N, C-alpha and C. Protein backbone atom coordinates (compact mmCIF):
# COMPACT_ATOMS: atom_id res chain seq x y z
N MET A 1 4.71 11.13 -12.46
CA MET A 1 3.86 10.06 -12.93
C MET A 1 2.96 10.60 -14.03
N SER A 2 2.95 9.92 -15.14
CA SER A 2 2.20 10.43 -16.28
C SER A 2 0.73 10.04 -16.28
N ASP A 3 0.40 8.90 -15.74
CA ASP A 3 -0.98 8.42 -15.75
C ASP A 3 -1.62 8.49 -14.38
N THR A 4 -1.52 9.62 -13.73
CA THR A 4 -2.10 9.73 -12.40
C THR A 4 -3.48 10.37 -12.46
N VAL A 5 -4.30 10.00 -11.49
CA VAL A 5 -5.65 10.55 -11.35
C VAL A 5 -5.80 10.97 -9.90
N ALA A 6 -6.26 12.17 -9.68
CA ALA A 6 -6.50 12.63 -8.31
C ALA A 6 -7.77 11.97 -7.79
N VAL A 7 -7.66 11.44 -6.56
CA VAL A 7 -8.80 10.76 -5.94
C VAL A 7 -9.03 11.40 -4.58
N GLY A 8 -10.20 11.94 -4.39
CA GLY A 8 -10.55 12.52 -3.10
C GLY A 8 -11.11 11.44 -2.18
N THR A 9 -10.66 11.43 -0.95
CA THR A 9 -11.16 10.44 0.00
C THR A 9 -11.10 11.03 1.39
N LYS A 10 -11.81 10.43 2.29
CA LYS A 10 -11.77 10.86 3.69
C LYS A 10 -11.16 9.74 4.52
N LEU A 11 -10.25 10.12 5.40
CA LEU A 11 -9.62 9.19 6.33
C LEU A 11 -9.86 9.69 7.73
N THR A 12 -9.77 8.77 8.69
CA THR A 12 -9.91 9.20 10.07
C THR A 12 -8.68 10.02 10.47
N LYS A 13 -8.83 10.82 11.48
CA LYS A 13 -7.71 11.62 11.97
C LYS A 13 -6.55 10.72 12.38
N VAL A 14 -6.85 9.59 13.00
CA VAL A 14 -5.80 8.66 13.43
C VAL A 14 -5.05 8.11 12.22
N MET A 15 -5.76 7.77 11.14
CA MET A 15 -5.09 7.27 9.94
C MET A 15 -4.12 8.31 9.38
N VAL A 16 -4.58 9.54 9.29
CA VAL A 16 -3.74 10.61 8.76
C VAL A 16 -2.53 10.83 9.67
N GLU A 17 -2.74 10.79 10.97
CA GLU A 17 -1.62 10.96 11.90
C GLU A 17 -0.59 9.85 11.72
N GLU A 18 -1.06 8.62 11.52
CA GLU A 18 -0.14 7.50 11.31
C GLU A 18 0.63 7.66 10.00
N ILE A 19 -0.06 8.08 8.95
CA ILE A 19 0.61 8.31 7.67
C ILE A 19 1.64 9.43 7.83
N ASP A 20 1.26 10.50 8.51
CA ASP A 20 2.18 11.61 8.74
C ASP A 20 3.40 11.16 9.55
N ARG A 21 3.19 10.26 10.48
CA ARG A 21 4.30 9.74 11.28
C ARG A 21 5.28 8.96 10.38
N LEU A 22 4.74 8.18 9.45
CA LEU A 22 5.60 7.45 8.51
C LEU A 22 6.41 8.41 7.64
N VAL A 23 5.77 9.50 7.23
CA VAL A 23 6.48 10.52 6.45
C VAL A 23 7.55 11.18 7.30
N LYS A 24 7.19 11.56 8.51
CA LYS A 24 8.15 12.22 9.41
C LYS A 24 9.34 11.31 9.72
N ASP A 25 9.08 10.01 9.87
CA ASP A 25 10.14 9.04 10.16
C ASP A 25 10.99 8.71 8.94
N GLY A 26 10.61 9.23 7.79
CA GLY A 26 11.39 9.01 6.58
C GLY A 26 11.08 7.72 5.83
N VAL A 27 10.02 7.02 6.26
CA VAL A 27 9.63 5.80 5.56
C VAL A 27 9.11 6.16 4.17
N TYR A 28 8.37 7.26 4.09
CA TYR A 28 7.84 7.78 2.83
C TYR A 28 8.19 9.25 2.72
N THR A 29 8.24 9.74 1.48
CA THR A 29 8.54 11.15 1.27
C THR A 29 7.29 12.03 1.32
N SER A 30 6.12 11.40 1.19
CA SER A 30 4.87 12.17 1.20
C SER A 30 3.70 11.27 1.54
N ARG A 31 2.59 11.89 1.86
CA ARG A 31 1.35 11.15 2.09
C ARG A 31 0.97 10.38 0.83
N SER A 32 1.10 11.05 -0.32
CA SER A 32 0.74 10.41 -1.58
C SER A 32 1.53 9.14 -1.81
N GLU A 33 2.83 9.19 -1.55
CA GLU A 33 3.66 8.00 -1.74
C GLU A 33 3.19 6.88 -0.82
N ALA A 34 2.89 7.20 0.43
CA ALA A 34 2.41 6.18 1.38
C ALA A 34 1.10 5.58 0.92
N LEU A 35 0.19 6.41 0.45
CA LEU A 35 -1.11 5.91 0.00
C LEU A 35 -0.99 5.09 -1.28
N ARG A 36 -0.08 5.47 -2.17
CA ARG A 36 0.14 4.66 -3.37
C ARG A 36 0.67 3.29 -2.99
N ASP A 37 1.64 3.25 -2.06
CA ASP A 37 2.18 1.97 -1.61
C ASP A 37 1.10 1.12 -0.94
N ALA A 38 0.28 1.75 -0.12
CA ALA A 38 -0.81 1.02 0.54
C ALA A 38 -1.78 0.45 -0.49
N THR A 39 -2.04 1.20 -1.53
CA THR A 39 -2.93 0.74 -2.59
C THR A 39 -2.33 -0.45 -3.33
N ARG A 40 -1.03 -0.36 -3.62
CA ARG A 40 -0.35 -1.49 -4.28
C ARG A 40 -0.46 -2.75 -3.42
N LEU A 41 -0.23 -2.61 -2.14
CA LEU A 41 -0.32 -3.76 -1.24
C LEU A 41 -1.75 -4.32 -1.22
N LEU A 42 -2.72 -3.45 -1.13
CA LEU A 42 -4.12 -3.88 -1.11
C LEU A 42 -4.48 -4.65 -2.38
N VAL A 43 -4.12 -4.09 -3.52
CA VAL A 43 -4.44 -4.75 -4.79
C VAL A 43 -3.69 -6.07 -4.89
N ARG A 44 -2.43 -6.06 -4.53
CA ARG A 44 -1.64 -7.30 -4.61
C ARG A 44 -2.21 -8.37 -3.69
N ALA A 45 -2.59 -7.98 -2.49
CA ALA A 45 -3.12 -8.94 -1.53
C ALA A 45 -4.45 -9.53 -1.99
N HIS A 46 -5.26 -8.72 -2.65
CA HIS A 46 -6.59 -9.19 -3.06
C HIS A 46 -6.64 -9.75 -4.47
N ARG A 47 -5.79 -9.26 -5.35
CA ARG A 47 -5.90 -9.63 -6.75
C ARG A 47 -4.66 -10.33 -7.31
N GLY A 48 -3.55 -10.18 -6.66
CA GLY A 48 -2.35 -10.87 -7.13
C GLY A 48 -1.41 -10.04 -7.97
N GLY A 49 -1.73 -8.81 -8.24
CA GLY A 49 -0.80 -8.01 -9.02
C GLY A 49 -1.38 -6.67 -9.39
N LEU A 50 -0.50 -5.81 -9.92
CA LEU A 50 -0.92 -4.48 -10.34
C LEU A 50 -0.08 -4.09 -11.56
N ARG A 51 -0.08 -4.94 -12.56
CA ARG A 51 0.70 -4.66 -13.76
C ARG A 51 -0.23 -4.77 -14.97
N GLY A 52 -1.04 -3.77 -15.14
CA GLY A 52 -1.96 -3.79 -16.27
C GLY A 52 -3.12 -4.74 -16.02
N LYS A 53 -3.03 -5.91 -16.57
CA LYS A 53 -4.10 -6.90 -16.47
C LYS A 53 -4.02 -7.65 -15.14
N ILE A 54 -5.11 -7.72 -14.43
CA ILE A 54 -5.19 -8.49 -13.19
C ILE A 54 -5.39 -9.95 -13.57
N THR A 55 -4.55 -10.84 -13.02
CA THR A 55 -4.59 -12.23 -13.44
C THR A 55 -5.32 -13.14 -12.47
N ARG A 56 -5.52 -12.71 -11.24
CA ARG A 56 -6.21 -13.53 -10.25
C ARG A 56 -7.32 -12.73 -9.62
N THR A 57 -8.29 -13.41 -9.08
CA THR A 57 -9.39 -12.70 -8.46
C THR A 57 -9.26 -12.66 -6.94
N GLN A 58 -8.47 -13.56 -6.36
CA GLN A 58 -8.37 -13.57 -4.90
C GLN A 58 -7.17 -14.39 -4.46
N PHE A 59 -6.50 -13.91 -3.42
CA PHE A 59 -5.41 -14.65 -2.78
C PHE A 59 -5.99 -15.49 -1.65
N THR A 60 -5.33 -16.59 -1.37
CA THR A 60 -5.68 -17.34 -0.16
C THR A 60 -5.17 -16.55 1.04
N ASP A 61 -5.60 -16.92 2.24
CA ASP A 61 -5.11 -16.25 3.44
C ASP A 61 -3.60 -16.34 3.54
N GLU A 62 -3.05 -17.51 3.19
CA GLU A 62 -1.61 -17.70 3.26
C GLU A 62 -0.87 -16.80 2.26
N GLU A 63 -1.40 -16.69 1.05
CA GLU A 63 -0.79 -15.83 0.03
C GLU A 63 -0.87 -14.36 0.43
N ARG A 64 -2.00 -13.96 1.01
CA ARG A 64 -2.17 -12.59 1.46
C ARG A 64 -1.16 -12.27 2.56
N GLU A 65 -0.98 -13.20 3.49
CA GLU A 65 -0.03 -13.01 4.57
C GLU A 65 1.39 -12.90 4.01
N GLU A 66 1.73 -13.74 3.05
CA GLU A 66 3.07 -13.67 2.44
C GLU A 66 3.29 -12.36 1.70
N ALA A 67 2.26 -11.87 1.01
CA ALA A 67 2.37 -10.58 0.31
C ALA A 67 2.62 -9.46 1.31
N LEU A 68 1.93 -9.49 2.43
CA LEU A 68 2.14 -8.48 3.46
C LEU A 68 3.54 -8.58 4.03
N LYS A 69 4.00 -9.79 4.33
CA LYS A 69 5.35 -9.97 4.87
C LYS A 69 6.40 -9.48 3.88
N GLU A 70 6.22 -9.77 2.60
CA GLU A 70 7.17 -9.32 1.59
C GLU A 70 7.19 -7.80 1.51
N PHE A 71 6.02 -7.18 1.55
CA PHE A 71 5.92 -5.73 1.52
C PHE A 71 6.66 -5.13 2.72
N ILE A 72 6.46 -5.70 3.88
CA ILE A 72 7.11 -5.21 5.09
C ILE A 72 8.63 -5.36 4.98
N ARG A 73 9.08 -6.49 4.46
CA ARG A 73 10.53 -6.71 4.27
C ARG A 73 11.10 -5.68 3.31
N GLN A 74 10.41 -5.44 2.19
CA GLN A 74 10.90 -4.49 1.19
C GLN A 74 11.04 -3.09 1.77
N LYS A 75 10.16 -2.73 2.66
CA LYS A 75 10.17 -1.39 3.25
C LYS A 75 11.04 -1.31 4.49
N GLY A 76 11.58 -2.45 4.94
CA GLY A 76 12.41 -2.44 6.14
C GLY A 76 11.61 -2.17 7.40
N LEU A 77 10.35 -2.56 7.40
CA LEU A 77 9.47 -2.31 8.54
C LEU A 77 9.37 -3.56 9.40
N GLU A 78 8.73 -3.43 10.54
CA GLU A 78 8.48 -4.55 11.42
C GLU A 78 7.01 -4.56 11.80
N LEU A 79 6.48 -5.75 12.08
CA LEU A 79 5.10 -5.86 12.54
C LEU A 79 5.00 -5.51 14.00
């Protein structure tokens, strides 16, 4: 990735364990990949996109739910 910025953050031990479990299960290749995907989902759910310019300021509850469902489908995950 050419335009990456390192961001330091603190997560709970349980969060890190869950991320590590996703990596171990092969859902993601690294913690960084999982966190980038989570960030994309967060931005998409709240703003409507992550392609340069943000076009919306907020999703409705229904749109947020659909974004989450689509993300889960794309990753082959289950709720």
